[in-house]
Amino acid sequence: MTFAPDDPALRGRLRADTAMGEAWRCLRCGDFVVGEAHGSGPAGAAPIVLRGRALRDATILRLIAVFRWVKGVLVLAAAYGVWRFRADHDAVNRAFKANLPLLQPIADRLGWNLDQSGAVHTVRTALAATTTTLTWIMLALLVLGMLWMIEGLGLWLLKRWGEYFSVIATSAFIPVEVHEIAEKVTPTRVVILLINIAVVLYIALSKRLFGLRGGRPAHEAERREASILEVEAAAVRRTAHARPPGGDVTAVAPRRPAAPPAPAGQTPAPPVDGDGSGPLSGRRPPRSSRHRRRR
């Protein structure tokens, strides 16, 4: 991804001339790419290119988004199944009561007690539900599925509202999961609880939500530090502030006056200071009288 800003100074830092033509610096990898820039305009209109840690965080958030979409699709499919079951409730109930005795001989050979089977108990509970109860279950599943689909969309688009939405929605189900584990501990429930806690902590801390780790200002500053365009723009601003008045970039130090040539047969005069007032202060001082006595 390359971009040609309108600012001439910033444009010069991102452009280079090569034997194959002009080259522009990639905003993602930092290398120069031969060819025309993919976009141009004011620096503020440049696309936000994720690099380094920001790119890694975006990849993780989009993986979470895919996971949420899969859960949402499954829940919406369950809502559709409940709706179809509600419409054919009486027919399904009659078919279940008619076919269950046919499974009894097979269950007896396998040593499976149908009356105490959890699956059979669940089916009987669903068949015993009224049409109103099934309607509320369908609506609850529909709302839950839509929430997960919206959460996945916000995370995929890397929107800040999606990050807040994900943290709040996931945190709301943690007490329910803890209650389920308190009733019966299973490896699946424990793993799901740990995953949801890890997701909440990761998003809240890495994206600095709710004022954590400096909040939104610190998050934006971190993003700007990782942007090549922002770094080069800051370098241009520093150069402009450091330039002295009058346009001179560097100040030239005054030259020392040259010593006059010595007459033939005489020792040359020592160099003098810049103001011509005396010998250079950096020359070696004469030996003290104490040193002369030791000699």
C-alpha atoms as a PDB file:
ATOM      1  CA  MET A   1       0.000   0.000   0.000  1.00  0.00           C
ATOM      2  CA  THR A   2       1.600   3.271  -1.171  1.00  0.00           C
ATOM      3  CA  PHE A   3       0.346   6.839  -0.860  1.00  0.00           C
ATOM      4  CA  ALA A   4       1.515  10.167  -2.294  1.00  0.00           C
ATOM      5  CA  PRO A   5       0.763  13.041   0.133  1.00  0.00           C
ATOM      6  CA  ASP A   6       0.252  16.588  -1.130  1.00  0.00           C
ATOM      7  CA  ASP A   7       2.852  18.062   1.233  1.00  0.00           C
ATOM      8  CA  PRO A   8       6.085  18.412  -0.844  1.00  0.00           C
ATOM      9  CA  ALA A   9       8.402  17.763   2.114  1.00  0.00           C
ATOM     10  CA  LEU A  10       6.522  14.649   3.209  1.00  0.00           C
ATOM     11  CA  ARG A  11       6.157  13.549  -0.398  1.00  0.00           C
ATOM     12  CA  GLY A  12       9.938  13.732  -0.860  1.00  0.00           C
ATOM     13  CA  ARG A  13      10.529  11.427   2.099  1.00  0.00           C
ATOM     14  CA  LEU A  14       8.224   8.759   0.689  1.00  0.00           C
ATOM     15  CA  ARG A  15       9.389   8.932  -2.947  1.00  0.00           C
ATOM     16  CA  ALA A  16      12.614   7.837  -4.609  1.00  0.00           C
ATOM     17  CA  ASP A  17      13.910   7.772  -8.182  1.00  0.00           C
ATOM     18  CA  THR A  18      15.333   4.485  -9.447  1.00  0.00           C
ATOM     19  CA  ALA A  19      16.620   3.184 -12.764  1.00  0.00           C
ATOM     20  CA  MET A  20      13.222   1.537 -13.305  1.00  0.00           C
ATOM     21  CA  GLY A  21      11.283   4.711 -12.544  1.00  0.00           C
ATOM     22  CA  GLU A  22       9.827   6.326  -9.461  1.00  0.00           C
ATOM     23  CA  ALA A  23       9.313   4.246  -6.324  1.00  0.00           C
ATOM     24  CA  TRP A  24       7.082   4.877  -3.325  1.00  0.00           C
ATOM     25  CA  ARG A  25       7.532   3.612   0.196  1.00  0.00           C
ATOM     26  CA  CYS A  26       5.049   0.946   1.261  1.00  0.00           C
ATOM     27  CA  LEU A  27       3.099   2.036   4.322  1.00  0.00           C
ATOM     28  CA  ARG A  28       2.928  -1.550   5.601  1.00  0.00           C
ATOM     29  CA  CYS A  29       6.385  -3.099   5.099  1.00  0.00           C
ATOM     30  CA  GLY A  30       8.456   0.110   4.753  1.00  0.00           C
ATOM     31  CA  ASP A  31      10.182  -0.949   1.515  1.00  0.00           C
ATOM     32  CA  PHE A  32      10.127   1.097  -1.680  1.00  0.00           C
ATOM     33  CA  VAL A  33       7.876  -0.259  -4.419  1.00  0.00           C
ATOM     34  CA  VAL A  34       8.464   0.707  -8.060  1.00  0.00           C
ATOM     35  CA  GLY A  35       5.437   2.216  -9.751  1.00  0.00           C
ATOM     36  CA  GLU A  36       2.865   4.901  -9.191  1.00  0.00           C
ATOM     37  CA  ALA A  37       1.358   5.439  -5.769  1.00  0.00           C
ATOM     38  CA  HIS A  38      -1.912   3.667  -5.060  1.00  0.00           C
ATOM     39  CA  GLY A  39      -3.461   6.864  -3.747  1.00  0.00           C
ATOM     40  CA  SER A  40      -2.799  10.548  -3.272  1.00  0.00           C
ATOM     41  CA  GLY A  41      -4.179  13.534  -1.405  1.00  0.00           C
ATOM     42  CA  PRO A  42      -3.795  15.154   2.027  1.00  0.00           C
ATOM     43  CA  ALA A  43      -1.869  13.160   4.611  1.00  0.00           C
ATOM     44  CA  GLY A  44      -4.968  12.996   6.810  1.00  0.00           C
ATOM     45  CA  ALA A  45      -6.848  11.185   4.027  1.00  0.00           C
ATOM     46  CA  ALA A  46      -4.281   8.371   3.816  1.00  0.00           C
ATOM     47  CA  PRO A  47      -5.626   4.893   4.612  1.00  0.00           C
ATOM     48  CA  ILE A  48      -4.831   3.452   8.034  1.00  0.00           C
ATOM     49  CA  VAL A  49      -2.380   0.626   7.387  1.00  0.00           C
ATOM     50  CA  LEU A  50      -1.908  -1.790  10.270  1.00  0.00           C
ATOM     51  CA  ARG A  51       1.648  -2.847  11.072  1.00  0.00           C
ATOM     52  CA  GLY A  52       3.397  -4.875  13.749  1.00  0.00           C
ATOM     53  CA  ARG A  53       1.403  -5.300  16.937  1.00  0.00           C
ATOM     54  CA  ALA A  54      -1.655  -3.543  15.503  1.00  0.00           C
ATOM     55  CA  LEU A  55      -1.747  -6.033  12.617  1.00  0.00           C
ATOM     56  CA  ARG A  56      -1.461  -8.967  15.035  1.00  0.00           C
ATOM     57  CA  ASP A  57      -4.301  -7.591  17.191  1.00  0.00           C
ATOM     58  CA  ALA A  58      -6.471  -7.121  14.106  1.00  0.00           C
ATOM     59  CA  THR A  59      -5.882 -10.736  13.061  1.00  0.00           C
ATOM     60  CA  ILE A  60      -6.904 -12.025  16.497  1.00  0.00           C
ATOM     61  CA  LEU A  61     -10.020  -9.836  16.568  1.00  0.00           C
ATOM     62  CA  ARG A  62     -11.087 -11.106  13.154  1.00  0.00           C
ATOM     63  CA  LEU A  63     -10.611 -14.709  14.263  1.00  0.00           C
ATOM     64  CA  ILE A  64     -12.896 -13.971  17.216  1.00  0.00           C
ATOM     65  CA  ALA A  65     -15.347 -12.386  14.762  1.00  0.00           C
ATOM     66  CA  VAL A  66     -15.423 -15.572  12.665  1.00  0.00           C
ATOM     67  CA  PHE A  67     -16.037 -17.635  15.811  1.00  0.00           C
ATOM     68  CA  ARG A  68     -18.925 -15.334  16.760  1.00  0.00           C
ATOM     69  CA  TRP A  69     -20.409 -15.620  13.269  1.00  0.00           C
ATOM     70  CA  VAL A  70     -20.303 -19.423  13.442  1.00  0.00           C
ATOM     71  CA  LYS A  71     -22.099 -19.376  16.798  1.00  0.00           C
ATOM     72  CA  GLY A  72     -24.610 -16.866  15.473  1.00  0.00           C
ATOM     73  CA  VAL A  73     -25.416 -19.008  12.431  1.00  0.00           C
ATOM     74  CA  LEU A  74     -25.911 -22.103  14.624  1.00  0.00           C
ATOM     75  CA  VAL A  75     -28.206 -20.240  17.024  1.00  0.00           C
ATOM     76  CA  LEU A  76     -30.239 -18.763  14.156  1.00  0.00           C
ATOM     77  CA  ALA A  77     -30.557 -22.266  12.683  1.00  0.00           C
ATOM     78  CA  ALA A  78     -31.808 -23.475  16.079  1.00  0.00           C
ATOM     79  CA  ALA A  79     -34.345 -20.643  16.144  1.00  0.00           C
ATOM     80  CA  TYR A  80     -35.571 -21.703  12.706  1.00  0.00           C
ATOM     81  CA  GLY A  81     -35.821 -25.309  13.917  1.00  0.00           C
ATOM     82  CA  VAL A  82     -37.902 -24.260  16.933  1.00  0.00           C
ATOM     83  CA  TRP A  83     -40.195 -22.261  14.643  1.00  0.00           C
ATOM     84  CA  ARG A  84     -40.727 -25.248  12.381  1.00  0.00           C
ATOM     85  CA  PHE A  85     -41.192 -27.504  15.394  1.00  0.00           C
ATOM     86  CA  ARG A  86     -43.789 -25.099  16.841  1.00  0.00           C
ATOM     87  CA  ALA A  87     -45.771 -25.259  13.636  1.00  0.00           C
ATOM     88  CA  ASP A  88     -45.743 -29.100  13.577  1.00  0.00           C
ATOM     89  CA  HIS A  89     -45.764 -29.599  17.343  1.00  0.00           C
ATOM     90  CA  ASP A  90     -48.736 -31.959  17.459  1.00  0.00           C
ATOM     91  CA  ALA A  91     -47.556 -34.090  14.542  1.00  0.00           C
ATOM     92  CA  VAL A  92     -44.049 -34.463  16.025  1.00  0.00           C
ATOM     93  CA  ASN A  93     -45.543 -35.422  19.402  1.00  0.00           C
ATOM     94  CA  ARG A  94     -47.697 -38.137  17.865  1.00  0.00           C
ATOM     95  CA  ALA A  95     -44.765 -39.483  15.818  1.00  0.00           C
ATOM     96  CA  PHE A  96     -42.529 -39.606  18.885  1.00  0.00           C
ATOM     97  CA  LYS A  97     -45.070 -41.510  20.971  1.00  0.00           C
ATOM     98  CA  ALA A  98     -45.714 -43.940  18.131  1.00  0.00           C
ATOM     99  CA  ASN A  99     -42.068 -44.673  17.297  1.00  0.00           C
ATOM    100  CA  LEU A 100     -40.545 -44.745  20.784  1.00  0.00           C
ATOM    101  CA  PRO A 101     -41.843 -48.253  21.586  1.00  0.00           C
ATOM    102  CA  LEU A 102     -40.204 -49.525  18.384  1.00  0.00           C
ATOM    103  CA  LEU A 103     -36.811 -48.592  19.852  1.00  0.00           C
ATOM    104  CA  GLN A 104     -37.403 -50.542  23.054  1.00  0.00           C
ATOM    105  CA  PRO A 105     -36.154 -53.973  21.799  1.00  0.00           C
ATOM    106  CA  ILE A 106     -32.957 -52.398  20.454  1.00  0.00           C
ATOM    107  CA  ALA A 107     -32.424 -50.523  23.716  1.00  0.00           C
ATOM    108  CA  ASP A 108     -32.920 -53.718  25.734  1.00  0.00           C
ATOM    109  CA  ARG A 109     -30.211 -55.525  23.729  1.00  0.00           C
ATOM    110  CA  LEU A 110     -27.829 -52.601  24.233  1.00  0.00           C
ATOM    111  CA  GLY A 111     -28.657 -52.314  27.923  1.00  0.00           C
ATOM    112  CA  TRP A 112     -29.982 -48.807  27.450  1.00  0.00           C
ATOM    113  CA  ASN A 113     -32.857 -47.710  29.678  1.00  0.00           C
ATOM    114  CA  LEU A 114     -34.998 -45.387  27.587  1.00  0.00           C
ATOM    115  CA  ASP A 115     -37.006 -44.148  30.553  1.00  0.00           C
ATOM    116  CA  GLN A 116     -33.865 -42.787  32.231  1.00  0.00           C
ATOM    117  CA  SER A 117     -32.173 -41.551  29.075  1.00  0.00           C
ATOM    118  CA  GLY A 118     -31.220 -37.884  29.079  1.00  0.00           C
ATOM    119  CA  ALA A 119     -31.907 -37.511  25.350  1.00  0.00           C
ATOM    120  CA  VAL A 120     -35.388 -38.973  25.668  1.00  0.00           C
ATOM    121  CA  HIS A 121     -36.060 -36.773  28.700  1.00  0.00           C
ATOM    122  CA  THR A 122     -35.019 -33.670  26.742  1.00  0.00           C
ATOM    123  CA  VAL A 123     -37.303 -34.577  23.816  1.00  0.00           C
ATOM    124  CA  ARG A 124     -40.224 -35.183  26.131  1.00  0.00           C
ATOM    125  CA  THR A 125     -39.640 -31.837  27.842  1.00  0.00           C
ATOM    126  CA  ALA A 126     -39.617 -30.061  24.481  1.00  0.00           C
ATOM    127  CA  LEU A 127     -42.781 -31.858  23.371  1.00  0.00           C
ATOM    128  CA  ALA A 128     -44.504 -30.940  26.604  1.00  0.00           C
ATOM    129  CA  ALA A 129     -43.836 -27.235  26.034  1.00  0.00           C
ATOM    130  CA  THR A 130     -46.756 -25.092  24.975  1.00  0.00           C
ATOM    131  CA  THR A 131     -46.887 -23.067  21.787  1.00  0.00           C
ATOM    132  CA  THR A 132     -46.356 -19.849  23.756  1.00  0.00           C
ATOM    133  CA  THR A 133     -43.244 -21.255  25.433  1.00  0.00           C
ATOM    134  CA  LEU A 134     -41.821 -22.366  22.098  1.00  0.00           C
ATOM    135  CA  THR A 135     -42.464 -18.892  20.671  1.00  0.00           C
ATOM    136  CA  TRP A 136     -40.502 -17.235  23.484  1.00  0.00           C
ATOM    137  CA  ILE A 137     -37.658 -19.741  23.038  1.00  0.00           C
ATOM    138  CA  MET A 138     -37.578 -18.980  19.315  1.00  0.00           C
ATOM    139  CA  LEU A 139     -37.465 -15.221  19.953  1.00  0.00           C
ATOM    140  CA  ALA A 140     -34.698 -15.596  22.551  1.00  0.00           C
ATOM    141  CA  LEU A 141     -32.601 -17.658  20.161  1.00  0.00           C
ATOM    142  CA  LEU A 142     -33.247 -15.168  17.370  1.00  0.00           C
ATOM    143  CA  VAL A 143     -32.099 -12.214  19.506  1.00  0.00           C
ATOM    144  CA  LEU A 144     -29.014 -14.103  20.721  1.00  0.00           C
ATOM    145  CA  GLY A 145     -28.045 -15.076  17.188  1.00  0.00           C
ATOM    146  CA  MET A 146     -28.437 -11.503  15.934  1.00  0.00           C
ATOM    147  CA  LEU A 147     -26.316 -10.189  18.822  1.00  0.00           C
ATOM    148  CA  TRP A 148     -23.484 -12.548  17.913  1.00  0.00           C
ATOM    149  CA  MET A 149     -23.738 -11.590  14.247  1.00  0.00           C
ATOM    150  CA  ILE A 150     -23.557  -7.872  15.102  1.00  0.00           C
ATOM    151  CA  GLU A 151     -20.630  -8.501  17.460  1.00  0.00           C
ATOM    152  CA  GLY A 152     -18.781 -10.365  14.733  1.00  0.00           C
ATOM    153  CA  LEU A 153     -19.395  -7.534  12.278  1.00  0.00           C
ATOM    154  CA  GLY A 154     -18.013  -4.895  14.654  1.00  0.00           C
ATOM    155  CA  LEU A 155     -14.910  -6.964  15.409  1.00  0.00           C
ATOM    156  CA  TRP A 156     -14.271  -7.743  11.726  1.00  0.00           C
ATOM    157  CA  LEU A 157     -14.470  -4.067  10.795  1.00  0.00           C
ATOM    158  CA  LEU A 158     -12.164  -3.229  13.747  1.00  0.00           C
ATOM    159  CA  LYS A 159     -14.643  -0.689  15.093  1.00  0.00           C
ATOM    160  CA  ARG A 160     -14.267   0.538  18.643  1.00  0.00           C
ATOM    161  CA  TRP A 161     -17.989   0.118  19.305  1.00  0.00           C
ATOM    162  CA  GLY A 162     -17.605  -3.519  18.250  1.00  0.00           C
ATOM    163  CA  GLU A 163     -14.861  -4.009  20.833  1.00  0.00           C
ATOM    164  CA  TYR A 164     -17.033  -2.499  23.587  1.00  0.00           C
ATOM    165  CA  PHE A 165     -19.998  -4.545  22.392  1.00  0.00           C
ATOM    166  CA  SER A 166     -17.954  -7.758  22.498  1.00  0.00           C
ATOM    167  CA  VAL A 167     -16.615  -7.139  25.999  1.00  0.00           C
ATOM    168  CA  ILE A 168     -20.045  -6.247  27.432  1.00  0.00           C
ATOM    169  CA  ALA A 169     -21.925  -9.072  25.694  1.00  0.00           C
ATOM    170  CA  THR A 170     -19.337 -11.714  26.595  1.00  0.00           C
ATOM    171  CA  SER A 171     -19.131 -10.521  30.209  1.00  0.00           C
ATOM    172  CA  ALA A 172     -22.922 -10.761  30.547  1.00  0.00           C
ATOM    173  CA  PHE A 173     -22.815 -14.534  29.943  1.00  0.00           C
ATOM    174  CA  ILE A 174     -19.951 -15.271  32.358  1.00  0.00           C
ATOM    175  CA  PRO A 175     -22.225 -15.409  35.495  1.00  0.00           C
ATOM    176  CA  VAL A 176     -24.512 -17.850  33.652  1.00  0.00           C
ATOM    177  CA  GLU A 177     -21.568 -20.076  32.793  1.00  0.00           C
ATOM    178  CA  VAL A 178     -20.310 -19.948  36.380  1.00  0.00           C
ATOM    179  CA  HIS A 179     -23.782 -21.003  37.589  1.00  0.00           C
ATOM    180  CA  GLU A 180     -23.805 -23.927  35.146  1.00  0.00           C
ATOM    181  CA  ILE A 181     -20.389 -25.063  36.391  1.00  0.00           C
ATOM    182  CA  ALA A 182     -21.595 -24.792  39.996  1.00  0.00           C
ATOM    183  CA  GLU A 183     -24.456 -27.153  39.152  1.00  0.00           C
ATOM    184  CA  LYS A 184     -22.277 -29.637  37.274  1.00  0.00           C
ATOM    185  CA  VAL A 185     -18.600 -29.422  36.414  1.00  0.00           C
ATOM    186  CA  THR A 186     -17.716 -30.613  32.927  1.00  0.00           C
ATOM    187  CA  PRO A 187     -14.540 -30.048  30.897  1.00  0.00           C
ATOM    188  CA  THR A 188     -16.511 -28.373  28.099  1.00  0.00           C
ATOM    189  CA  ARG A 189     -18.089 -25.816  30.424  1.00  0.00           C
ATOM    190  CA  VAL A 190     -14.770 -25.029  32.086  1.00  0.00           C
ATOM    191  CA  VAL A 191     -13.009 -24.546  28.728  1.00  0.00           C
ATOM    192  CA  ILE A 192     -15.784 -22.261  27.426  1.00  0.00           C
ATOM    193  CA  LEU A 193     -15.645 -20.160  30.597  1.00  0.00           C
ATOM    194  CA  LEU A 194     -11.862 -19.774  30.402  1.00  0.00           C
ATOM    195  CA  ILE A 195     -12.024 -18.827  26.711  1.00  0.00           C
ATOM    196  CA  ASN A 196     -14.640 -16.137  27.342  1.00  0.00           C
ATOM    197  CA  ILE A 197     -12.671 -14.688  30.269  1.00  0.00           C
ATOM    198  CA  ALA A 198      -9.514 -14.622  28.131  1.00  0.00           C
ATOM    199  CA  VAL A 199     -11.387 -12.868  25.287  1.00  0.00           C
ATOM    200  CA  VAL A 200     -12.755 -10.189  27.629  1.00  0.00           C
ATOM    201  CA  LEU A 201      -9.358  -9.491  29.214  1.00  0.00           C
ATOM    202  CA  TYR A 202      -7.504  -9.479  25.894  1.00  0.00           C
ATOM    203  CA  ILE A 203      -9.843  -7.052  24.128  1.00  0.00           C
ATOM    204  CA  ALA A 204     -10.214  -4.735  27.139  1.00  0.00           C
ATOM    205  CA  LEU A 205      -6.455  -4.516  27.793  1.00  0.00           C
ATOM    206  CA  SER A 206      -5.073  -4.549  24.252  1.00  0.00           C
ATOM    207  CA  LYS A 207      -7.584  -1.950  23.011  1.00  0.00           C
ATOM    208  CA  ARG A 208      -7.408   0.082  26.244  1.00  0.00           C
ATOM    209  CA  LEU A 209     -11.175   0.071  26.778  1.00  0.00           C
ATOM    210  CA  PHE A 210     -12.928   1.697  29.752  1.00  0.00           C
ATOM    211  CA  GLY A 211      -9.892   3.911  30.384  1.00  0.00           C
ATOM    212  CA  LEU A 212      -7.515   0.994  30.962  1.00  0.00           C
ATOM    213  CA  ARG A 213      -3.812   1.633  30.240  1.00  0.00           C
ATOM    214  CA  GLY A 214      -4.406   5.252  29.282  1.00  0.00           C
ATOM    215  CA  GLY A 215      -7.688   4.753  27.421  1.00  0.00           C
ATOM    216  CA  ARG A 216      -8.430   5.942  23.892  1.00  0.00           C
ATOM    217  CA  PRO A 217      -5.712   8.691  23.754  1.00  0.00           C
ATOM    218  CA  ALA A 218      -2.992   6.137  24.523  1.00  0.00           C
ATOM    219  CA  HIS A 219      -4.483   3.742  21.971  1.00  0.00           C
ATOM    220  CA  GLU A 220      -4.458   6.402  19.242  1.00  0.00           C
ATOM    221  CA  ALA A 221      -0.904   7.453  20.137  1.00  0.00           C
ATOM    222  CA  GLU A 222       0.255   3.840  19.885  1.00  0.00           C
ATOM    223  CA  ARG A 223      -1.390   3.507  16.475  1.00  0.00           C
ATOM    224  CA  ARG A 224       0.276   6.688  15.205  1.00  0.00           C
ATOM    225  CA  GLU A 225       3.708   5.544  16.407  1.00  0.00           C
ATOM    226  CA  ALA A 226       3.358   2.392  14.310  1.00  0.00           C
ATOM    227  CA  SER A 227       2.351   4.301  11.155  1.00  0.00           C
ATOM    228  CA  ILE A 228       5.168   5.041   8.683  1.00  0.00           C
ATOM    229  CA  LEU A 229       3.277   8.057   7.343  1.00  0.00           C
ATOM    230  CA  GLU A 230       2.845   9.500  10.851  1.00  0.00           C
ATOM    231  CA  VAL A 231       6.520   8.929  11.661  1.00  0.00           C
ATOM    232  CA  GLU A 232       7.693  10.653   8.474  1.00  0.00           C
ATOM    233  CA  ALA A 233       5.273  13.552   9.028  1.00  0.00           C
ATOM    234  CA  ALA A 234       6.643  14.007  12.541  1.00  0.00           C
ATOM    235  CA  ALA A 235      10.189  14.040  11.123  1.00  0.00           C
ATOM    236  CA  VAL A 236       9.182  16.766   8.657  1.00  0.00           C
ATOM    237  CA  ARG A 237       7.699  18.856  11.475  1.00  0.00           C
ATOM    238  CA  ARG A 238      10.844  18.454  13.586  1.00  0.00           C
ATOM    239  CA  THR A 239      13.006  19.539  10.643  1.00  0.00           C
ATOM    240  CA  ALA A 240      10.825  22.605  10.054  1.00  0.00           C
ATOM    241  CA  HIS A 241      11.015  23.648  13.725  1.00  0.00           C
ATOM    242  CA  ALA A 242      14.782  23.110  13.862  1.00  0.00           C
ATOM    243  CA  ARG A 243      15.496  25.321  10.799  1.00  0.00           C
ATOM    244  CA  PRO A 244      16.899  28.729  11.918  1.00  0.00           C
ATOM    245  CA  PRO A 245      15.395  32.038  10.719  1.00  0.00           C
ATOM    246  CA  GLY A 246      16.450  33.155   7.256  1.00  0.00           C
ATOM    247  CA  GLY A 247      16.347  29.660   5.782  1.00  0.00           C
ATOM    248  CA  ASP A 248      19.917  28.613   6.750  1.00  0.00           C
ATOM    249  CA  VAL A 249      19.865  25.030   7.911  1.00  0.00           C
ATOM    250  CA  THR A 250      23.336  25.068   9.475  1.00  0.00           C
ATOM    251  CA  ALA A 251      25.433  27.849  10.935  1.00  0.00           C
ATOM    252  CA  VAL A 252      29.017  28.209   9.705  1.00  0.00           C
ATOM    253  CA  ALA A 253      31.602  28.701  12.430  1.00  0.00           C
ATOM    254  CA  PRO A 254      33.913  31.712  11.982  1.00  0.00           C
ATOM    255  CA  ARG A 255      37.389  30.925  10.674  1.00  0.00           C
ATOM    256  CA  ARG A 256      40.459  31.785  12.702  1.00  0.00           C
ATOM    257  CA  PRO A 257      42.653  34.448  11.143  1.00  0.00           C
ATOM    258  CA  ALA A 258      45.797  33.051   9.667  1.00  0.00           C
ATOM    259  CA  ALA A 259      49.110  33.972  11.289  1.00  0.00           C
ATOM    260  CA  PRO A 260      51.287  36.337   9.246  1.00  0.00           C
ATOM    261  CA  PRO A 261      54.258  34.723   7.516  1.00  0.00           C
ATOM    262  CA  ALA A 262      57.467  34.860   9.527  1.00  0.00           C
ATOM    263  CA  PRO A 263      60.570  36.552   8.094  1.00  0.00           C
ATOM    264  CA  ALA A 264      63.374  34.360   6.891  1.00  0.00           C
ATOM    265  CA  GLY A 265      65.430  32.884   9.730  1.00  0.00           C
ATOM    266  CA  GLN A 266      62.846  33.554  12.460  1.00  0.00           C
ATOM    267  CA  THR A 267      60.465  31.187  14.297  1.00  0.00           C
ATOM    268  CA  PRO A 268      56.830  31.479  13.110  1.00  0.00           C
ATOM    269  CA  ALA A 269      54.464  33.238  15.479  1.00  0.00           C
ATOM    270  CA  PRO A 270      52.044  30.996  17.392  1.00  0.00           C
ATOM    271  CA  PRO A 271      48.421  30.941  16.215  1.00  0.00           C
ATOM    272  CA  VAL A 272      46.079  33.398  17.894  1.00  0.00           C
ATOM    273  CA  ASP A 273      42.520  33.205  19.134  1.00  0.00           C
ATOM    274  CA  GLY A 274      39.567  34.016  16.914  1.00  0.00           C
ATOM    275  CA  ASP A 275      39.481  37.650  18.135  1.00  0.00           C
ATOM    276  CA  GLY A 276      43.240  38.079  17.547  1.00  0.00           C
ATOM    277  CA  SER A 277      43.824  39.088  21.159  1.00  0.00           C
ATOM    278  CA  GLY A 278      46.351  36.438  22.063  1.00  0.00           C
ATOM    279  CA  PRO A 279      47.704  32.966  21.564  1.00  0.00           C
ATOM    280  CA  LEU A 280      45.302  30.048  21.427  1.00  0.00           C
ATOM    281  CA  SER A 281      44.087  28.981  24.827  1.00  0.00           C
ATOM    282  CA  GLY A 282      44.448  25.363  23.807  1.00  0.00           C
ATOM    283  CA  ARG A 283      48.257  25.447  23.438  1.00  0.00           C
ATOM    284  CA  ARG A 284      50.418  23.755  26.056  1.00  0.00           C
ATOM    285  CA  PRO A 285      51.189  25.997  29.038  1.00  0.00           C
ATOM    286  CA  PRO A 286      54.830  26.621  30.055  1.00  0.00           C
ATOM    287  CA  ARG A 287      56.419  24.377  32.642  1.00  0.00           C
ATOM    288  CA  SER A 288      56.275  25.588  36.222  1.00  0.00           C
ATOM    289  CA  SER A 289      59.367  26.573  38.196  1.00  0.00           C
ATOM    290  CA  ARG A 290      58.976  23.419  40.299  1.00  0.00           C
ATOM    291  CA  HIS A 291      59.342  21.272  37.219  1.00  0.00           C
ATOM    292  CA  ARG A 292      62.386  23.243  36.109  1.00  0.00           C
ATOM    293  CA  ARG A 293      64.084  22.703  39.488  1.00  0.00           C
ATOM    294  CA  ARG A 294      63.544  18.932  39.234  1.00  0.00           C
ATOM    295  CA  ARG A 295      65.282  18.897  35.868  1.00  0.00           C
END
